[in-house]
C-alpha atoms as a PDB file:
ATOM      1  CA  MET A   1     -15.422   1.391 -20.906  1.00  0.00           C
ATOM      2  CA  SER A   2     -13.893   4.865 -20.737  1.00  0.00           C
ATOM      3  CA  ASN A   3     -10.542   5.521 -19.096  1.00  0.00           C
ATOM      4  CA  ASN A   4     -12.473   7.346 -16.360  1.00  0.00           C
ATOM      5  CA  HIS A   5     -13.596   3.944 -15.104  1.00  0.00           C
ATOM      6  CA  LYS A   6     -10.267   2.117 -15.250  1.00  0.00           C
ATOM      7  CA  ILE A   7      -8.057   1.631 -12.207  1.00  0.00           C
ATOM      8  CA  ALA A   8      -4.446   0.435 -12.447  1.00  0.00           C
ATOM      9  CA  PHE A   9      -2.801  -2.020 -10.075  1.00  0.00           C
ATOM     10  CA  GLN A  10       0.616  -3.668  -9.865  1.00  0.00           C
ATOM     11  CA  GLY A  11       0.675  -7.419 -10.374  1.00  0.00           C
ATOM     12  CA  VAL A  12      -1.348  -9.969 -12.306  1.00  0.00           C
ATOM     13  CA  PRO A  13      -5.042 -10.916 -12.046  1.00  0.00           C
ATOM     14  CA  GLY A  14      -5.753 -12.382  -8.635  1.00  0.00           C
ATOM     15  CA  ALA A  15      -3.318 -10.150  -6.740  1.00  0.00           C
ATOM     16  CA  TYR A  16      -4.442  -8.509  -3.495  1.00  0.00           C
ATOM     17  CA  SER A  17      -4.270  -5.178  -5.292  1.00  0.00           C
ATOM     18  CA  HIS A  18      -6.796  -6.656  -7.734  1.00  0.00           C
ATOM     19  CA  LEU A  19      -9.018  -7.654  -4.789  1.00  0.00           C
ATOM     20  CA  SER A  20      -8.704  -4.103  -3.432  1.00  0.00           C
ATOM     21  CA  CYS A  21      -9.836  -2.657  -6.759  1.00  0.00           C
ATOM     22  CA  GLN A  22     -12.880  -4.941  -6.742  1.00  0.00           C
ATOM     23  CA  ALA A  23     -13.729  -3.938  -3.168  1.00  0.00           C
ATOM     24  CA  PHE A  24     -13.198  -0.195  -3.635  1.00  0.00           C
ATOM     25  CA  CYS A  25     -14.785   0.271  -7.070  1.00  0.00           C
ATOM     26  CA  PRO A  26     -16.525  -2.980  -8.115  1.00  0.00           C
ATOM     27  CA  ASP A  27     -17.992  -1.470 -11.295  1.00  0.00           C
ATOM     28  CA  TRP A  28     -14.626  -0.302 -12.650  1.00  0.00           C
ATOM     29  CA  GLU A  29     -12.239  -2.243 -14.854  1.00  0.00           C
ATOM     30  CA  ALA A  30      -9.038  -3.185 -13.004  1.00  0.00           C
ATOM     31  CA  ILE A  31      -5.973  -3.103 -15.289  1.00  0.00           C
ATOM     32  CA  PRO A  32      -2.792  -5.002 -14.279  1.00  0.00           C
ATOM     33  CA  TYR A  33       0.731  -3.590 -14.736  1.00  0.00           C
ATOM     34  CA  LYS A  34       4.040  -5.358 -14.194  1.00  0.00           C
ATOM     35  CA  SER A  35       5.660  -2.667 -12.046  1.00  0.00           C
ATOM     36  CA  PHE A  36       4.761   0.143  -9.664  1.00  0.00           C
ATOM     37  CA  SER A  37       6.277   2.636 -12.096  1.00  0.00           C
ATOM     38  CA  GLY A  38       4.155   1.252 -14.928  1.00  0.00           C
ATOM     39  CA  MET A  39       1.033   1.495 -12.787  1.00  0.00           C
ATOM     40  CA  LEU A  40       1.727   5.137 -11.888  1.00  0.00           C
ATOM     41  CA  ARG A  41       2.666   5.983 -15.469  1.00  0.00           C
ATOM     42  CA  ALA A  42      -0.695   4.633 -16.662  1.00  0.00           C
ATOM     43  CA  VAL A  43      -2.424   7.364 -14.644  1.00  0.00           C
ATOM     44  CA  GLN A  44       0.080  10.007 -15.688  1.00  0.00           C
ATOM     45  CA  ASN A  45      -0.526   9.375 -19.392  1.00  0.00           C
ATOM     46  CA  GLY A  46      -4.293   8.875 -19.100  1.00  0.00           C
ATOM     47  CA  GLU A  47      -4.535   5.122 -19.744  1.00  0.00           C
ATOM     48  CA  CYS A  48      -6.319   4.827 -16.389  1.00  0.00           C
ATOM     49  CA  SER A  49      -7.973   7.409 -14.180  1.00  0.00           C
ATOM     50  CA  SER A  50      -6.725   5.974 -10.887  1.00  0.00           C
ATOM     51  CA  ALA A  51      -4.120   3.698  -9.326  1.00  0.00           C
ATOM     52  CA  MET A  52      -4.465   1.358  -6.333  1.00  0.00           C
ATOM     53  CA  VAL A  53      -1.147   1.784  -4.501  1.00  0.00           C
ATOM     54  CA  PRO A  54      -0.111  -0.450  -1.557  1.00  0.00           C
ATOM     55  CA  VAL A  55       1.891   1.452   1.064  1.00  0.00           C
ATOM     56  CA  GLU A  56       2.023  -0.647   4.234  1.00  0.00           C
ATOM     57  CA  ASN A  57       0.999  -3.926   5.811  1.00  0.00           C
ATOM     58  CA  SER A  58       0.084  -4.495   9.448  1.00  0.00           C
ATOM     59  CA  THR A  59       2.443  -7.502   9.667  1.00  0.00           C
ATOM     60  CA  ALA A  60       5.325  -6.806   7.275  1.00  0.00           C
ATOM     61  CA  GLY A  61       5.526  -3.004   7.444  1.00  0.00           C
ATOM     62  CA  ARG A  62       5.862  -0.564   4.579  1.00  0.00           C
ATOM     63  CA  VAL A  63       6.047  -1.597   0.941  1.00  0.00           C
ATOM     64  CA  ALA A  64       9.615  -1.106  -0.272  1.00  0.00           C
ATOM     65  CA  ASP A  65      10.416   1.800  -2.623  1.00  0.00           C
ATOM     66  CA  ILE A  66       6.879   3.132  -2.914  1.00  0.00           C
ATOM     67  CA  HIS A  67       7.523   6.143  -0.636  1.00  0.00           C
ATOM     68  CA  HIS A  68      10.288   7.258  -2.997  1.00  0.00           C
ATOM     69  CA  MET A  69       7.967   7.014  -5.994  1.00  0.00           C
ATOM     70  CA  LEU A  70       4.862   8.779  -4.700  1.00  0.00           C
ATOM     71  CA  PRO A  71       6.244  12.349  -4.438  1.00  0.00           C
ATOM     72  CA  GLU A  72       7.905  12.101  -7.847  1.00  0.00           C
ATOM     73  CA  SER A  73       4.815  10.712  -9.577  1.00  0.00           C
ATOM     74  CA  GLY A  74       2.961  14.032  -9.608  1.00  0.00           C
ATOM     75  CA  LEU A  75      -0.211  12.153  -8.603  1.00  0.00           C
ATOM     76  CA  HIS A  76      -2.481  12.937  -5.680  1.00  0.00           C
ATOM     77  CA  ILE A  77      -4.131  10.774  -3.028  1.00  0.00           C
ATOM     78  CA  ILE A  78      -7.927  10.958  -3.215  1.00  0.00           C
ATOM     79  CA  ALA A  79      -8.844   8.020  -0.949  1.00  0.00           C
ATOM     80  CA  GLU A  80      -7.477   5.240   1.231  1.00  0.00           C
ATOM     81  CA  HIS A  81      -8.567   1.612   1.403  1.00  0.00           C
ATOM     82  CA  PHE A  82      -7.751  -1.063   3.986  1.00  0.00           C
ATOM     83  CA  GLN A  83      -7.786  -4.569   2.495  1.00  0.00           C
ATOM     84  CA  PRO A  84      -7.883  -7.669   4.728  1.00  0.00           C
ATOM     85  CA  VAL A  85      -5.212 -10.125   3.562  1.00  0.00           C
ATOM     86  CA  ASN A  86      -6.248 -13.752   3.955  1.00  0.00           C
ATOM     87  CA  HIS A  87      -3.292 -15.698   2.580  1.00  0.00           C
ATOM     88  CA  GLN A  88      -3.959 -19.234   1.411  1.00  0.00           C
ATOM     89  CA  LEU A  89      -1.544 -21.991   0.478  1.00  0.00           C
ATOM     90  CA  LEU A  90      -2.375 -23.081  -3.054  1.00  0.00           C
ATOM     91  CA  GLY A  91      -1.231 -26.204  -4.889  1.00  0.00           C
ATOM     92  CA  ILE A  92      -2.027 -27.981  -8.131  1.00  0.00           C
ATOM     93  CA  LYS A  93      -5.070 -30.236  -8.331  1.00  0.00           C
ATOM     94  CA  GLY A  94      -4.580 -33.368  -6.241  1.00  0.00           C
ATOM     95  CA  SER A  95      -1.505 -32.148  -4.341  1.00  0.00           C
ATOM     96  CA  LYS A  96      -1.222 -32.658  -0.562  1.00  0.00           C
ATOM     97  CA  LEU A  97       0.006 -30.329   2.163  1.00  0.00           C
ATOM     98  CA  SER A  98       2.398 -33.020   3.458  1.00  0.00           C
ATOM     99  CA  ASN A  99       4.192 -33.104   0.081  1.00  0.00           C
ATOM    100  CA  ILE A 100       4.826 -29.345  -0.221  1.00  0.00           C
ATOM    101  CA  ARG A 101       8.516 -28.380   0.006  1.00  0.00           C
ATOM    102  CA  GLU A 102       8.487 -24.825  -1.421  1.00  0.00           C
ATOM    103  CA  ALA A 103       6.107 -21.880  -1.076  1.00  0.00           C
ATOM    104  CA  HIS A 104       6.400 -19.174  -3.729  1.00  0.00           C
ATOM    105  CA  SER A 105       5.084 -15.649  -3.150  1.00  0.00           C
ATOM    106  CA  HIS A 106       5.940 -11.960  -2.999  1.00  0.00           C
ATOM    107  CA  GLU A 107       8.441 -11.157  -0.238  1.00  0.00           C
ATOM    108  CA  GLN A 108       5.687  -9.344   1.695  1.00  0.00           C
ATOM    109  CA  GLY A 109       3.442 -12.406   1.514  1.00  0.00           C
ATOM    110  CA  LEU A 110       6.257 -14.663   2.683  1.00  0.00           C
ATOM    111  CA  ALA A 111       7.078 -12.298   5.563  1.00  0.00           C
ATOM    112  CA  GLN A 112       3.448 -12.367   6.672  1.00  0.00           C
ATOM    113  CA  CYS A 113       3.519 -16.196   6.831  1.00  0.00           C
ATOM    114  CA  ARG A 114       7.078 -16.743   8.069  1.00  0.00           C
ATOM    115  CA  LYS A 115       6.262 -18.489  11.359  1.00  0.00           C
ATOM    116  CA  ASN A 116       3.742 -20.894   9.860  1.00  0.00           C
ATOM    117  CA  LEU A 117       6.101 -21.792   7.012  1.00  0.00           C
ATOM    118  CA  GLU A 118       8.787 -22.628   9.567  1.00  0.00           C
ATOM    119  CA  LYS A 119       6.367 -24.864  11.486  1.00  0.00           C
ATOM    120  CA  LEU A 120       5.455 -26.688   8.270  1.00  0.00           C
ATOM    121  CA  ASN A 121       9.126 -26.963   7.227  1.00  0.00           C
ATOM    122  CA  ILE A 122       8.338 -25.314   3.894  1.00  0.00           C
ATOM    123  CA  GLU A 123      11.048 -23.239   2.224  1.00  0.00           C
ATOM    124  CA  PRO A 124       9.974 -19.705   1.220  1.00  0.00           C
ATOM    125  CA  VAL A 125      10.879 -18.681  -2.333  1.00  0.00           C
ATOM    126  CA  ILE A 126      10.556 -15.022  -3.343  1.00  0.00           C
ATOM    127  CA  HIS A 127       8.433 -14.280  -6.398  1.00  0.00           C
ATOM    128  CA  SER A 128       7.597 -10.971  -8.048  1.00  0.00           C
ATOM    129  CA  ASP A 129       3.995 -11.080  -6.758  1.00  0.00           C
ATOM    130  CA  THR A 130       1.481 -13.366  -5.068  1.00  0.00           C
ATOM    131  CA  ALA A 131      -0.866 -14.001  -7.982  1.00  0.00           C
ATOM    132  CA  GLY A 132       2.068 -14.413 -10.376  1.00  0.00           C
ATOM    133  CA  ALA A 133       3.339 -17.176  -8.115  1.00  0.00           C
ATOM    134  CA  ALA A 134      -0.064 -18.876  -8.299  1.00  0.00           C
ATOM    135  CA  ARG A 135      -0.028 -18.639 -12.090  1.00  0.00           C
ATOM    136  CA  ASP A 136       3.451 -20.200 -12.236  1.00  0.00           C
ATOM    137  CA  ILE A 137       2.529 -23.008  -9.835  1.00  0.00           C
ATOM    138  CA  ALA A 138      -0.342 -23.908 -12.157  1.00  0.00           C
ATOM    139  CA  THR A 139       2.047 -23.881 -15.135  1.00  0.00           C
ATOM    140  CA  TRP A 140       4.820 -25.920 -13.466  1.00  0.00           C
ATOM    141  CA  ASN A 141       2.381 -28.646 -12.353  1.00  0.00           C
ATOM    142  CA  ASP A 142       4.741 -29.761  -9.571  1.00  0.00           C
ATOM    143  CA  PRO A 143       3.000 -31.313  -6.500  1.00  0.00           C
ATOM    144  CA  THR A 144       5.904 -30.279  -4.206  1.00  0.00           C
ATOM    145  CA  LYS A 145       5.519 -26.567  -4.912  1.00  0.00           C
ATOM    146  CA  ALA A 146       2.805 -24.199  -3.721  1.00  0.00           C
ATOM    147  CA  ALA A 147       1.913 -20.519  -3.848  1.00  0.00           C
ATOM    148  CA  ILE A 148       0.847 -18.149  -1.086  1.00  0.00           C
ATOM    149  CA  ALA A 149      -1.900 -16.068  -2.635  1.00  0.00           C
ATOM    150  CA  SER A 150      -5.601 -15.178  -2.509  1.00  0.00           C
ATOM    151  CA  ASP A 151      -8.704 -17.281  -3.057  1.00  0.00           C
ATOM    152  CA  LEU A 152      -9.302 -15.172  -6.180  1.00  0.00           C
ATOM    153  CA  ALA A 153      -5.950 -16.389  -7.551  1.00  0.00           C
ATOM    154  CA  ALA A 154      -6.968 -19.980  -6.763  1.00  0.00           C
ATOM    155  CA  LYS A 155     -10.153 -19.555  -8.801  1.00  0.00           C
ATOM    156  CA  ILE A 156      -8.437 -17.813 -11.718  1.00  0.00           C
ATOM    157  CA  TYR A 157      -5.597 -20.355 -12.066  1.00  0.00           C
ATOM    158  CA  GLY A 158      -7.471 -23.530 -11.091  1.00  0.00           C
ATOM    159  CA  LEU A 159      -5.546 -24.385  -7.911  1.00  0.00           C
ATOM    160  CA  ASP A 160      -6.547 -26.293  -4.778  1.00  0.00           C
ATOM    161  CA  VAL A 161      -6.560 -24.590  -1.385  1.00  0.00           C
ATOM    162  CA  LEU A 162      -4.230 -26.716   0.762  1.00  0.00           C
ATOM    163  CA  MET A 163      -4.428 -24.403   3.789  1.00  0.00           C
ATOM    164  CA  ASP A 164      -7.069 -21.697   3.934  1.00  0.00           C
ATOM    165  CA  GLU A 165      -5.329 -19.511   6.538  1.00  0.00           C
ATOM    166  CA  ILE A 166      -1.545 -19.527   6.583  1.00  0.00           C
ATOM    167  CA  THR A 167      -1.028 -15.933   7.728  1.00  0.00           C
ATOM    168  CA  ASP A 168       0.743 -15.544  11.077  1.00  0.00           C
ATOM    169  CA  LEU A 169      -1.712 -12.880  12.316  1.00  0.00           C
ATOM    170  CA  ASN A 170      -5.471 -13.167  11.888  1.00  0.00           C
ATOM    171  CA  LEU A 171      -5.985  -9.419  11.390  1.00  0.00           C
ATOM    172  CA  ASN A 172      -3.421  -9.030   8.612  1.00  0.00           C
ATOM    173  CA  THR A 173      -4.339  -5.916   6.598  1.00  0.00           C
ATOM    174  CA  THR A 174      -2.764  -3.870   3.816  1.00  0.00           C
ATOM    175  CA  ARG A 175      -3.379  -0.149   3.461  1.00  0.00           C
ATOM    176  CA  PHE A 176      -3.765   1.168  -0.089  1.00  0.00           C
ATOM    177  CA  LEU A 177      -3.853   4.712  -1.425  1.00  0.00           C
ATOM    178  CA  VAL A 178      -6.054   5.554  -4.401  1.00  0.00           C
ATOM    179  CA  MET A 179      -4.230   8.103  -6.556  1.00  0.00           C
ATOM    180  CA  LYS A 180      -5.294  10.340  -9.434  1.00  0.00           C
ATOM    181  CA  LYS A 181      -3.693  13.005 -11.594  1.00  0.00           C
ATOM    182  CA  HIS A 182      -5.601  15.872  -9.998  1.00  0.00           C
ATOM    183  CA  MET A 183      -6.275  16.738  -6.362  1.00  0.00           C
ATOM    184  CA  GLU A 184      -9.810  16.027  -5.128  1.00  0.00           C
ATOM    185  CA  VAL A 185     -10.382  17.701  -1.774  1.00  0.00           C
ATOM    186  CA  PRO A 186     -13.449  16.595   0.232  1.00  0.00           C
ATOM    187  CA  ALA A 187     -15.865  19.094   1.730  1.00  0.00           C
ATOM    188  CA  THR A 188     -14.713  20.681   4.971  1.00  0.00           C
ATOM    189  CA  SER A 189     -17.973  19.473   6.539  1.00  0.00           C
ATOM    190  CA  LEU A 190     -16.689  15.893   6.338  1.00  0.00           C
ATOM    191  CA  SER A 191     -16.330  14.646   9.901  1.00  0.00           C
ATOM    192  CA  ASN A 192     -13.146  12.619   9.355  1.00  0.00           C
ATOM    193  CA  SER A 193     -10.416  13.396   6.856  1.00  0.00           C
ATOM    194  CA  HIS A 194      -6.703  12.799   6.442  1.00  0.00           C
ATOM    195  CA  CYS A 195      -3.804  14.713   4.903  1.00  0.00           C
ATOM    196  CA  THR A 196      -0.566  13.254   3.572  1.00  0.00           C
ATOM    197  CA  PHE A 197       2.546  15.320   2.861  1.00  0.00           C
ATOM    198  CA  VAL A 198       6.302  14.986   2.485  1.00  0.00           C
ATOM    199  CA  PHE A 199       8.998  17.456   3.545  1.00  0.00           C
ATOM    200  CA  SER A 200      12.769  17.942   3.854  1.00  0.00           C
ATOM    201  CA  LEU A 201      14.258  19.918   6.754  1.00  0.00           C
ATOM    202  CA  ARG A 202      16.978  22.519   6.927  1.00  0.00           C
ATOM    203  CA  SER A 203      20.058  21.280   8.766  1.00  0.00           C
ATOM    204  CA  VAL A 204      19.652  23.026  12.125  1.00  0.00           C
ATOM    205  CA  PRO A 205      19.626  21.596  15.673  1.00  0.00           C
ATOM    206  CA  ALA A 206      16.304  20.082  16.792  1.00  0.00           C
ATOM    207  CA  ALA A 207      14.747  20.905  13.423  1.00  0.00           C
ATOM    208  CA  LEU A 208      12.317  17.958  13.418  1.00  0.00           C
ATOM    209  CA  TYR A 209      11.174  18.694  16.973  1.00  0.00           C
ATOM    210  CA  LYS A 210      10.533  22.334  16.113  1.00  0.00           C
ATOM    211  CA  ALA A 211       8.953  21.603  12.727  1.00  0.00           C
ATOM    212  CA  LEU A 212       6.377  19.237  14.198  1.00  0.00           C
ATOM    213  CA  GLY A 213       5.627  21.496  17.151  1.00  0.00           C
ATOM    214  CA  GLY A 214       3.032  23.357  15.133  1.00  0.00           C
ATOM    215  CA  PHE A 215       0.953  20.204  14.783  1.00  0.00           C
ATOM    216  CA  ALA A 216       0.960  19.697  18.552  1.00  0.00           C
ATOM    217  CA  THR A 217       0.026  23.296  19.371  1.00  0.00           C
ATOM    218  CA  ASN A 218      -2.752  23.226  16.761  1.00  0.00           C
ATOM    219  CA  GLY A 219      -4.219  19.960  18.027  1.00  0.00           C
ATOM    220  CA  ILE A 220      -3.434  17.824  14.972  1.00  0.00           C
ATOM    221  CA  ASN A 221      -2.843  14.120  15.468  1.00  0.00           C
ATOM    222  CA  LEU A 222      -0.041  12.561  13.390  1.00  0.00           C
ATOM    223  CA  THR A 223      -1.011   8.982  12.531  1.00  0.00           C
ATOM    224  CA  LYS A 224       2.189   8.128  10.648  1.00  0.00           C
ATOM    225  CA  ILE A 225       5.674   9.584  10.230  1.00  0.00           C
ATOM    226  CA  GLU A 226       8.557   7.924   8.429  1.00  0.00           C
ATOM    227  CA  SER A 227      11.953   9.092   7.280  1.00  0.00           C
ATOM    228  CA  TYR A 228      14.057   7.860   4.378  1.00  0.00           C
ATOM    229  CA  MET A 229      17.129   9.102   2.559  1.00  0.00           C
ATOM    230  CA  SER A 230      16.543  11.193  -0.536  1.00  0.00           C
ATOM    231  CA  GLY A 231      19.099  11.880  -3.245  1.00  0.00           C
ATOM    232  CA  ASN A 232      22.293  10.132  -4.287  1.00  0.00           C
ATOM    233  CA  GLU A 233      24.529  11.785  -1.693  1.00  0.00           C
ATOM    234  CA  MET A 234      22.672  10.258   1.301  1.00  0.00           C
ATOM    235  CA  GLN A 235      22.724  13.593   3.139  1.00  0.00           C
ATOM    236  CA  ALA A 236      19.126  14.797   3.078  1.00  0.00           C
ATOM    237  CA  ALA A 237      16.358  12.957   4.920  1.00  0.00           C
ATOM    238  CA  GLN A 238      12.849  13.150   3.546  1.00  0.00           C
ATOM    239  CA  PHE A 239       9.867  12.706   5.865  1.00  0.00           C
ATOM    240  CA  TYR A 240       6.497  11.204   4.996  1.00  0.00           C
ATOM    241  CA  VAL A 241       3.536  12.140   7.245  1.00  0.00           C
ATOM    242  CA  ASP A 242      -0.128  11.168   7.534  1.00  0.00           C
ATOM    243  CA  CYS A 243      -2.259  13.240   9.878  1.00  0.00           C
ATOM    244  CA  GLU A 244      -5.879  13.722  10.854  1.00  0.00           C
ATOM    245  CA  GLY A 245      -7.533  16.884   9.605  1.00  0.00           C
ATOM    246  CA  HIS A 246      -8.536  18.857   6.527  1.00  0.00           C
ATOM    247  CA  ILE A 247      -6.132  20.877   4.390  1.00  0.00           C
ATOM    248  CA  GLU A 248      -8.498  23.881   4.336  1.00  0.00           C
ATOM    249  CA  GLN A 249      -8.989  24.068   8.103  1.00  0.00           C
ATOM    250  CA  LYS A 250      -7.246  26.954   9.875  1.00  0.00           C
ATOM    251  CA  ASN A 251      -5.312  24.776  12.322  1.00  0.00           C
ATOM    252  CA  MET A 252      -3.872  22.659   9.493  1.00  0.00           C
ATOM    253  CA  GLN A 253      -2.811  25.746   7.542  1.00  0.00           C
ATOM    254  CA  LEU A 254      -1.092  27.184  10.627  1.00  0.00           C
ATOM    255  CA  ALA A 255       0.716  23.903  11.291  1.00  0.00           C
ATOM    256  CA  LEU A 256       1.952  23.662   7.690  1.00  0.00           C
ATOM    257  CA  GLU A 257       3.052  27.299   7.764  1.00  0.00           C
ATOM    258  CA  GLU A 258       5.192  26.619  10.845  1.00  0.00           C
ATOM    259  CA  LEU A 259       6.566  23.450   9.248  1.00  0.00           C
ATOM    260  CA  LYS A 260       7.688  25.364   6.152  1.00  0.00           C
ATOM    261  CA  PHE A 261       9.719  27.749   8.323  1.00  0.00           C
ATOM    262  CA  TYR A 262      12.089  24.894   9.207  1.00  0.00           C
ATOM    263  CA  CYS A 263      12.173  23.286   5.764  1.00  0.00           C
ATOM    264  CA  LEU A 264      14.181  23.796   2.626  1.00  0.00           C
ATOM    265  CA  PRO A 265      12.550  26.077   0.007  1.00  0.00           C
ATOM    266  CA  ASP A 266       9.591  24.375  -1.736  1.00  0.00           C
ATOM    267  CA  ALA A 267      10.337  21.205   0.251  1.00  0.00           C
ATOM    268  CA  VAL A 268       6.824  20.710   1.645  1.00  0.00           C
ATOM    269  CA  ARG A 269       4.528  18.894  -0.778  1.00  0.00           C
ATOM    270  CA  VAL A 270       0.954  17.969   0.060  1.00  0.00           C
ATOM    271  CA  LEU A 271       0.171  14.661  -1.652  1.00  0.00           C
ATOM    272  CA  GLY A 272      -3.496  14.633  -0.815  1.00  0.00           C
ATOM    273  CA  CYS A 273      -6.440  15.426   1.429  1.00  0.00           C
ATOM    274  CA  TYR A 274      -9.013  12.629   1.465  1.00  0.00           C
ATOM    275  CA  PRO A 275     -11.765  10.996   3.558  1.00  0.00           C
ATOM    276  CA  SER A 276     -10.492   8.822   6.395  1.00  0.00           C
ATOM    277  CA  SER A 277     -11.383   5.177   5.842  1.00  0.00           C
ATOM    278  CA  PRO A 278     -14.179   3.788   8.057  1.00  0.00           C
ATOM    279  CA  TYR A 279     -11.700   1.017   8.922  1.00  0.00           C
ATOM    280  CA  ARG A 280      -9.900   3.445  11.221  1.00  0.00           C
ATOM    281  CA  GLN A 281     -12.983   3.597  13.465  1.00  0.00           C
ATOM    282  CA  LYS A 282     -13.216  -0.186  13.944  1.00  0.00           C
ATOM    283  CA  PRO A 283     -12.383  -1.461  17.438  1.00  0.00           C
ATOM    284  CA  ASN A 284      -9.656  -4.063  18.006  1.00  0.00           C
ATOM    285  CA  ARG A 285      -8.073  -3.547  14.619  1.00  0.00           C
ATOM    286  CA  ASN A 286      -4.303  -3.959  14.024  1.00  0.00           C
END
């Protein structure tokens, strides 16, 4: 299979990122990497054509550190994917729920199951990723330890499902961004599209209020805005924004032009313009 049909994900086989790759591009080969940086580097150097990047979860919030890495990666967002997360409690063959004392999983997975773990009096133990925890549980062969992971991980590592729904919220979902080396802008005729960009403001009173005013006056809906500190001196805030609209539409160009007026030179970077996921149109979603 050519590199054009390989998609990188962080974790080991059976991770939710792996499930997302199967759902988004079932005919592609999903390649695991140990770290987010390794996953992004695989696209940078051409080992893979795309990366499946988790950015936020409906229960546990944003994925730590990833917002710092995206602007520096030089990659571009070409799609988004919303993956339902159905956490299961997995134990070795023959183990019983009543005997489980520890649950091992990624910190996000543990956070998404915190209330149920407390009810079951099971101690959460942080692991590097969900599927890696399942792999280790199979290796340790200890009936008092379990993993919080996917049904795919259970199948891959030969584990029993002790509890098939341990997530605190039934509509637990993780949003992923599909990233490539080059920008792929959809046709302007597309009915629903999204833009993602980052920016840093000049230090003037009410700068954020004024900078975002152009989006209001041009009728652009911001669906996400987050701030985080950028740089070692902890003095400059960087903002991450998702908004509805197309990068080539006049109202978006006017809004970005007004934004740049209040920003530092070359401090506005568009990370991608891509089709909005059909998931956003579903009623009663988280």
